[in-house]
Amino acid sequence: MSIALKENCKYALVVPSSMGVRITPVDRQPVHTARHYEMQATSAETNVLNVSASLGLPVKVLTNFVAGSPIATFIKNELKSRNIDFEGKEFEQDGPWGYRHQFNIADSGYGMRGPRVHNDRAGEVGRLLDVKDFDLERIFGADGVQILHVSGLIGALSPQTGEFCLQLARAAKKHGTVISFDLNHRASFWENREKELRDIFTEIASISDILIGNEEDFQLCLGIAGPEAGGQSISSKIDSFKDMIQRVKAAFPGTTLFANTLREVASANMHSWGALSLTDHEWNVVEPRDIPVLDRIGGGDGFVGGLLYGVLKGWSAEKCLQFGWATGALTVTLLTDYAVPADEEQVWSIWQGNARVKR
């Protein structure tokens, strides 16, 4: 796999993100009946950072904060505790109806009661992310970044964040930083904005070195035909997913690594989890395997975090895919929506199916 990383960089991995908090009922209870909640700082993009941060690589999030907000202080303290650097403009709240950090209210589900996530994003300060508030020459030039990872969640959050992600990707390309793009389609973000977002996503994809999606992302974000929904099991559709990735490769020939997660849900507590990747003409496939699930939120981000960690370590495409599968499987065993691997050995034990006690 020929992904050339810059040397002598201050940061291995940088992401743009809109930070918020997630509150989850304890004991897997539904939101509408719960009385007690756990709270954590959250964003899909910092979930990706967390694998590399936990394993000792320097990472950073570019974001916005509400000045003087106790929620902003909580987020900053959590990021520090997770070894994630941050940079961002402070916006005055402008009264009770002004800016805020988003609240993500999540029911983890249980058994045949599926998870439900309610997003409270009115006045979200992250929607104001703007390239003029960041010194891109310093970040990508003087400091140096090995990989810029962009999520479609931030690209679609607002017209301003879409332009922000596009400018970041252009600056990264100029300075020789590897660009990773997880399409991460969200229907509610795309409603009545299809042409605007398709144009932005297509340009970012066209200069990306790594393109990542799930069962539907390539179809919904880039208009690439994929497998039909429903019917057959995920395992029986792998050849159809390969055909789709070949079409993506034909549309974006400058990309080196394509990756796609595969998930089939038996219940909130049991999933079949797999993945595939394509580099040059080499396919790597992790056939879907049953994994127990404590909380599914963040599993896809965990996969991306592990995959990118492998790229940063210079591993083969096969090893990167296996590690990403295992960090995704690790994430869903945790009450947080991000993985905190103790070390590489713990992740490889998950890949090997070895859950024996370590003394």
Protein backbone atom coordinates (compact mmCIF):
# COMPACT_ATOMS: atom_id res chain seq x y z
CA MET A 1 0.00 0.00 0.00
CA SER A 2 1.67 3.20 -1.22
CA ILE A 3 0.46 5.96 1.10
CA ALA A 4 3.40 8.31 1.68
CA LEU A 5 3.24 10.13 5.01
CA LYS A 6 5.06 13.38 5.72
CA GLU A 7 7.90 13.17 8.20
CA ASN A 8 8.78 15.47 11.12
CA CYS A 9 5.18 16.49 11.73
CA LYS A 10 3.86 17.81 15.04
CA TYR A 11 0.60 15.89 14.60
CA ALA A 12 -0.10 12.42 13.29
CA LEU A 13 -3.82 13.07 12.85
CA VAL A 14 -6.00 16.20 12.78
CA VAL A 15 -9.79 16.45 12.43
CA PRO A 16 -12.32 19.28 12.14
CA SER A 17 -15.26 18.73 14.48
CA SER A 18 -18.21 20.23 16.34
CA MET A 19 -17.91 19.18 19.99
CA GLY A 20 -20.89 18.45 22.19
CA VAL A 21 -21.95 16.20 25.01
CA ARG A 22 -23.72 12.86 24.99
CA ILE A 23 -26.05 11.90 27.81
CA THR A 24 -27.08 8.25 28.10
CA PRO A 25 -29.49 6.63 30.58
CA VAL A 26 -27.74 4.24 32.96
CA ASP A 27 -28.59 0.52 32.83
CA ARG A 28 -29.65 0.78 29.15
CA GLN A 29 -33.00 2.33 29.99
CA PRO A 30 -35.04 4.30 27.41
CA VAL A 31 -34.73 8.09 27.46
CA HIS A 32 -38.44 8.72 28.05
CA THR A 33 -38.44 6.73 31.32
CA ALA A 34 -34.90 7.27 32.63
CA ARG A 35 -34.02 9.30 35.71
CA HIS A 36 -30.23 8.91 35.83
CA TYR A 37 -27.75 9.66 33.03
CA GLU A 38 -24.03 9.43 32.26
CA MET A 39 -22.48 12.40 30.41
CA GLN A 40 -19.41 12.47 28.17
CA ALA A 41 -17.86 14.84 25.66
CA THR A 42 -18.54 13.59 22.15
CA SER A 43 -18.11 13.96 18.42
CA ALA A 44 -17.70 11.35 15.71
CA GLU A 45 -14.39 12.86 14.67
CA THR A 46 -12.77 12.85 18.13
CA ASN A 47 -13.98 9.26 18.44
CA VAL A 48 -11.69 8.56 15.48
CA LEU A 49 -8.80 10.40 17.14
CA ASN A 50 -9.16 8.43 20.34
CA VAL A 51 -7.53 5.22 19.06
CA SER A 52 -4.32 6.99 18.06
CA ALA A 53 -4.42 9.25 21.14
CA SER A 54 -4.76 6.23 23.46
CA LEU A 55 -1.84 4.49 21.77
CA GLY A 56 0.53 7.44 22.08
CA LEU A 57 0.30 9.36 18.80
CA PRO A 58 -0.13 13.18 18.82
CA VAL A 59 -3.57 14.26 17.59
CA LYS A 60 -5.62 17.46 17.42
CA VAL A 61 -9.19 18.63 16.88
CA LEU A 62 -10.10 21.94 15.20
CA THR A 63 -13.38 23.15 16.65
CA ASN A 64 -15.33 26.05 18.21
CA PHE A 65 -16.23 26.74 21.84
CA VAL A 66 -18.79 28.84 23.71
CA ALA A 67 -16.87 31.31 25.88
CA GLY A 68 -17.50 30.93 29.61
CA SER A 69 -19.71 27.86 29.17
CA PRO A 70 -19.35 25.13 31.82
CA ILE A 71 -20.13 22.63 29.05
CA ALA A 72 -17.18 23.98 27.05
CA THR A 73 -14.97 23.59 30.12
CA PHE A 74 -16.22 20.02 30.59
CA ILE A 75 -15.41 19.24 26.93
CA LYS A 76 -11.92 20.73 27.16
CA ASN A 77 -11.14 18.79 30.33
CA GLU A 78 -12.33 15.54 28.77
CA LEU A 79 -10.24 16.14 25.65
CA LYS A 80 -7.17 16.79 27.80
CA SER A 81 -7.76 13.59 29.75
CA ARG A 82 -7.93 11.68 26.45
CA ASN A 83 -4.60 13.15 25.18
CA ILE A 84 -6.34 15.15 22.43
CA ASP A 85 -5.06 18.66 21.69
CA PHE A 86 -7.63 21.24 20.62
CA GLU A 87 -7.73 24.60 18.90
CA GLY A 88 -10.73 26.81 18.23
CA LYS A 89 -12.36 30.20 18.42
CA GLU A 90 -14.35 31.19 21.51
CA PHE A 91 -17.80 32.63 20.73
CA GLU A 92 -19.77 34.65 23.26
CA GLN A 93 -22.99 32.86 24.15
CA ASP A 94 -25.10 35.95 23.41
CA GLY A 95 -27.79 35.21 25.99
CA PRO A 96 -29.87 32.12 26.80
CA TRP A 97 -31.05 31.80 23.19
CA GLY A 98 -27.58 32.17 21.70
CA TYR A 99 -24.81 29.72 20.92
CA ARG A 100 -24.38 26.36 22.61
CA HIS A 101 -22.70 22.97 22.33
CA GLN A 102 -24.96 20.26 20.93
CA PHE A 103 -26.59 17.66 23.18
CA ASN A 104 -26.74 14.09 21.93
CA ILE A 105 -29.34 12.11 23.93
CA ALA A 106 -28.85 8.40 23.34
CA ASP A 107 -30.87 5.32 24.27
CA SER A 108 -28.47 2.38 23.83
CA GLY A 109 -31.35 -0.05 23.32
CA TYR A 110 -31.57 -3.57 24.63
CA GLY A 111 -32.55 -6.86 23.02
CA MET A 112 -35.17 -6.18 20.37
CA ARG A 113 -35.59 -2.55 21.52
CA GLY A 114 -33.29 -0.78 19.10
CA PRO A 115 -31.12 2.23 20.00
CA ARG A 116 -32.60 5.70 19.53
CA VAL A 117 -30.61 8.91 19.30
CA HIS A 118 -32.12 12.36 19.71
CA ASN A 119 -29.97 15.29 18.60
CA ASP A 120 -30.55 18.70 20.18
CA ARG A 121 -28.44 20.99 17.98
CA ALA A 122 -30.23 24.36 17.96
CA GLY A 123 -27.69 27.19 18.12
CA GLU A 124 -24.77 24.77 17.73
CA VAL A 125 -21.52 26.73 17.82
CA GLY A 126 -19.76 24.20 15.60
CA ARG A 127 -21.94 25.26 12.65
CA LEU A 128 -19.85 28.47 12.58
CA LEU A 129 -16.54 26.77 11.80
CA ASP A 130 -14.72 29.09 9.40
CA VAL A 131 -11.34 28.85 7.73
CA LYS A 132 -10.55 32.49 8.64
CA ASP A 133 -10.39 31.49 12.32
CA PHE A 134 -7.52 29.03 11.76
CA ASP A 135 -3.97 29.57 10.48
CA LEU A 136 -3.80 26.80 7.91
CA GLU A 137 -0.24 27.65 6.88
CA ARG A 138 0.89 27.12 10.47
CA ILE A 139 -1.17 23.96 10.98
CA PHE A 140 -0.25 22.17 7.74
CA GLY A 141 3.01 23.95 6.94
CA ALA A 142 4.98 24.94 10.05
CA ASP A 143 3.52 22.35 12.45
CA GLY A 144 2.85 19.62 9.90
CA VAL A 145 0.12 16.98 9.82
CA GLN A 146 0.47 13.43 8.56
CA ILE A 147 -3.25 12.73 8.03
CA LEU A 148 -6.23 15.10 7.87
CA HIS A 149 -9.41 13.15 8.53
CA VAL A 150 -12.69 14.73 7.38
CA SER A 151 -16.13 13.41 8.26
CA GLY A 152 -19.23 13.95 6.15
CA LEU A 153 -21.08 14.84 9.36
CA ILE A 154 -19.08 18.06 9.62
CA GLY A 155 -19.09 18.63 5.88
CA ALA A 156 -22.91 18.60 5.90
CA LEU A 157 -23.51 20.37 9.21
CA SER A 158 -24.00 23.78 7.57
CA PRO A 159 -23.03 25.55 4.32
CA GLN A 160 -20.21 27.19 6.31
CA THR A 161 -18.78 23.92 7.62
CA GLY A 162 -18.96 22.38 4.16
CA GLU A 163 -16.78 25.18 2.82
CA PHE A 164 -14.52 24.86 5.88
CA CYS A 165 -13.89 21.16 5.22
CA LEU A 166 -13.25 21.86 1.55
CA GLN A 167 -10.67 24.57 2.37
CA LEU A 168 -8.97 22.29 4.92
CA ALA A 169 -8.70 19.53 2.34
CA ARG A 170 -7.24 21.91 -0.25
CA ALA A 171 -4.67 23.20 2.26
CA ALA A 172 -3.76 19.66 3.30
CA LYS A 173 -3.27 18.67 -0.34
CA LYS A 174 -1.04 21.70 -0.93
CA HIS A 175 1.24 20.70 1.95
CA GLY A 176 1.45 16.99 1.17
CA THR A 177 -0.79 15.82 4.02
CA VAL A 178 -2.66 12.57 3.43
CA ILE A 179 -6.44 13.16 3.28
CA SER A 180 -8.92 10.66 4.71
CA PHE A 181 -12.65 11.15 4.06
CA ASP A 182 -15.38 9.18 5.84
CA LEU A 183 -18.57 9.99 3.92
CA ASN A 184 -20.85 9.47 6.96
CA HIS A 185 -24.19 10.30 5.31
CA ARG A 186 -27.01 11.65 7.50
CA ALA A 187 -30.36 12.02 5.75
CA SER A 188 -31.57 14.87 7.99
CA PHE A 189 -28.48 16.94 7.11
CA TRP A 190 -28.90 16.37 3.37
CA GLU A 191 -32.60 17.20 3.09
CA ASN A 192 -33.13 19.80 0.32
CA ARG A 193 -29.33 20.25 -0.01
CA GLU A 194 -28.47 17.35 -2.30
CA LYS A 195 -26.77 19.27 -5.13
CA GLU A 196 -24.82 21.59 -2.80
CA LEU A 197 -23.49 18.71 -0.72
CA ARG A 198 -22.90 16.34 -3.65
CA ASP A 199 -20.62 18.98 -5.23
CA ILE A 200 -18.64 19.51 -1.99
CA PHE A 201 -18.34 15.82 -1.19
CA THR A 202 -17.28 15.00 -4.75
CA GLU A 203 -14.46 17.56 -4.69
CA ILE A 204 -13.17 16.38 -1.30
CA ALA A 205 -13.36 12.77 -2.48
CA SER A 206 -11.47 13.67 -5.66
CA ILE A 207 -8.39 14.78 -3.67
CA SER A 208 -8.64 12.17 -0.90
CA ASP A 209 -6.09 9.40 -0.45
CA ILE A 210 -8.45 7.31 1.71
CA LEU A 211 -12.21 6.97 1.17
CA ILE A 212 -14.38 5.24 3.76
CA GLY A 213 -18.09 4.40 3.80
CA ASN A 214 -20.65 1.94 5.06
CA GLU A 215 -23.35 -0.01 3.24
CA GLU A 216 -25.03 3.11 1.75
CA ASP A 217 -22.62 6.06 1.99
CA PHE A 218 -21.06 5.78 -1.45
CA GLN A 219 -24.49 5.61 -3.02
CA LEU A 220 -26.10 8.46 -1.09
CA CYS A 221 -23.14 10.86 -0.99
CA LEU A 222 -21.48 10.28 -4.35
CA GLY A 223 -24.23 8.73 -6.45
CA ILE A 224 -22.35 5.46 -7.00
CA ALA A 225 -24.72 2.54 -7.55
CA GLY A 226 -24.48 -0.13 -4.85
CA PRO A 227 -26.15 -3.32 -3.60
CA GLU A 228 -29.90 -3.31 -3.23
CA ALA A 229 -31.19 -2.89 0.32
CA GLY A 230 -32.79 -5.77 2.20
CA GLY A 231 -33.13 -9.37 1.17
CA GLN A 232 -29.85 -11.28 1.32
CA SER A 233 -27.45 -11.38 4.25
CA ILE A 234 -24.47 -9.02 4.28
CA SER A 235 -22.09 -11.96 3.74
CA SER A 236 -23.84 -12.94 0.51
CA LYS A 237 -23.57 -9.37 -0.81
CA ILE A 238 -19.78 -9.00 -0.51
CA ASP A 239 -19.25 -9.41 -4.26
CA SER A 240 -21.85 -6.67 -4.82
CA PHE A 241 -19.96 -4.39 -2.44
CA LYS A 242 -16.74 -5.13 -4.33
CA ASP A 243 -18.45 -4.15 -7.58
CA MET A 244 -19.56 -0.88 -5.96
CA ILE A 245 -16.03 -0.10 -4.71
CA GLN A 246 -14.68 -0.77 -8.21
CA ARG A 247 -17.12 1.85 -9.52
CA VAL A 248 -15.96 4.26 -6.81
CA LYS A 249 -12.34 3.59 -7.78
CA ALA A 250 -13.12 4.32 -11.43
CA ALA A 251 -14.73 7.62 -10.44
CA PHE A 252 -11.89 8.59 -8.07
CA PRO A 253 -8.70 7.09 -9.51
CA GLY A 254 -6.40 9.25 -7.34
CA THR A 255 -7.49 7.48 -4.15
CA THR A 256 -5.18 4.79 -2.76
CA LEU A 257 -7.28 3.05 -0.08
CA PHE A 258 -11.01 2.35 -0.16
CA ALA A 259 -12.70 0.84 2.89
CA ASN A 260 -16.24 -0.22 3.65
CA THR A 261 -17.74 -1.50 6.90
CA LEU A 262 -20.34 -4.29 6.88
CA ARG A 263 -22.91 -4.63 9.64
CA GLU A 264 -25.94 -6.83 10.15
CA VAL A 265 -28.10 -6.39 13.26
CA ALA A 266 -29.68 -9.40 14.99
CA SER A 267 -30.54 -7.42 18.13
CA ALA A 268 -29.28 -4.39 20.02
CA ASN A 269 -26.85 -6.75 21.76
CA MET A 270 -25.67 -8.93 18.88
CA HIS A 271 -24.31 -7.76 15.53
CA SER A 272 -22.52 -9.39 12.64
CA TRP A 273 -19.52 -7.13 11.94
CA GLY A 274 -17.25 -7.19 8.91
CA ALA A 275 -15.24 -4.96 6.58
CA LEU A 276 -13.48 -4.87 3.24
CA SER A 277 -10.82 -2.72 1.60
CA LEU A 278 -9.25 -2.19 -1.80
CA THR A 279 -5.74 -0.90 -2.49
CA ASP A 280 -4.48 -0.91 -6.07
CA HIS A 281 -5.84 -4.32 -7.14
CA GLU A 282 -5.58 -6.00 -3.74
CA TRP A 283 -8.77 -6.90 -1.90
CA ASN A 284 -8.87 -7.59 1.82
CA VAL A 285 -12.06 -8.90 3.40
CA VAL A 286 -13.06 -9.52 6.99
CA GLU A 287 -16.06 -11.83 6.71
CA PRO A 288 -18.83 -10.69 9.10
CA ARG A 289 -18.41 -12.25 12.54
CA ASP A 290 -20.85 -12.16 15.45
CA ILE A 291 -19.87 -9.67 18.16
CA PRO A 292 -21.64 -8.87 21.45
CA VAL A 293 -22.72 -5.24 21.77
CA LEU A 294 -23.02 -3.16 24.92
CA ASP A 295 -23.58 0.13 23.04
CA ARG A 296 -23.31 0.30 19.26
CA ILE A 297 -22.83 4.07 18.96
CA GLY A 298 -19.30 4.86 17.77
CA GLY A 299 -18.44 1.43 16.38
CA GLY A 300 -17.92 2.81 12.88
CA ASP A 301 -15.75 5.62 14.24
CA GLY A 302 -13.71 3.04 16.13
CA PHE A 303 -13.15 1.16 12.88
CA VAL A 304 -11.91 4.31 11.16
CA GLY A 305 -9.68 5.17 14.11
CA GLY A 306 -8.03 1.74 14.02
CA LEU A 307 -7.67 1.75 10.24
CA LEU A 308 -5.93 5.14 10.29
CA TYR A 309 -3.70 4.10 13.18
CA GLY A 310 -2.50 1.22 11.02
CA VAL A 311 -1.82 3.59 8.12
CA LEU A 312 0.16 5.87 10.46
CA LYS A 313 2.20 2.86 11.62
CA GLY A 314 2.99 1.90 8.03
CA TRP A 315 1.22 -1.48 8.18
CA SER A 316 -0.06 -3.48 5.22
CA ALA A 317 -3.63 -2.86 4.04
CA GLU A 318 -4.63 -6.28 5.41
CA LYS A 319 -3.27 -5.50 8.88
CA CYS A 320 -4.88 -2.03 8.87
CA LEU A 321 -8.28 -3.55 8.05
CA GLN A 322 -7.96 -6.20 10.77
CA PHE A 323 -6.94 -3.65 13.39
CA GLY A 324 -9.82 -1.37 12.37
CA TRP A 325 -12.30 -4.24 12.62
CA ALA A 326 -11.02 -5.00 16.12
CA THR A 327 -11.09 -1.39 17.37
CA GLY A 328 -14.67 -1.14 16.10
CA ALA A 329 -15.51 -4.36 17.96
CA LEU A 330 -13.78 -2.95 21.05
CA THR A 331 -15.78 0.28 20.94
CA VAL A 332 -19.15 -1.45 21.12
CA THR A 333 -18.13 -3.17 24.37
CA LEU A 334 -17.79 0.23 26.07
CA LEU A 335 -20.29 2.72 27.48
CA THR A 336 -18.36 5.55 25.84
CA ASP A 337 -18.77 6.02 22.09
CA TYR A 338 -15.00 5.98 21.59
CA ALA A 339 -12.40 3.24 22.00
CA VAL A 340 -9.69 3.45 24.66
CA PRO A 341 -7.38 0.53 23.85
CA ALA A 342 -4.93 -0.26 26.65
CA ASP A 343 -2.32 -1.25 24.08
CA GLU A 344 -2.00 -2.84 20.65
CA GLU A 345 -1.96 -6.32 22.19
CA GLN A 346 -5.47 -5.86 23.57
CA VAL A 347 -6.75 -5.00 20.10
CA TRP A 348 -5.02 -7.96 18.46
CA SER A 349 -6.48 -10.28 21.12
CA ILE A 350 -9.94 -9.09 20.05
CA TRP A 351 -9.08 -9.79 16.42
CA GLN A 352 -7.88 -13.29 17.34
CA GLY A 353 -11.03 -13.99 19.37
CA ASN A 354 -8.97 -14.45 22.52
CA ALA A 355 -10.98 -13.20 25.51
CA ARG A 356 -9.03 -15.16 28.11
CA VAL A 357 -7.98 -13.36 31.28
CA LYS A 358 -4.62 -11.57 31.21
CA ARG A 359 -2.71 -11.72 34.50
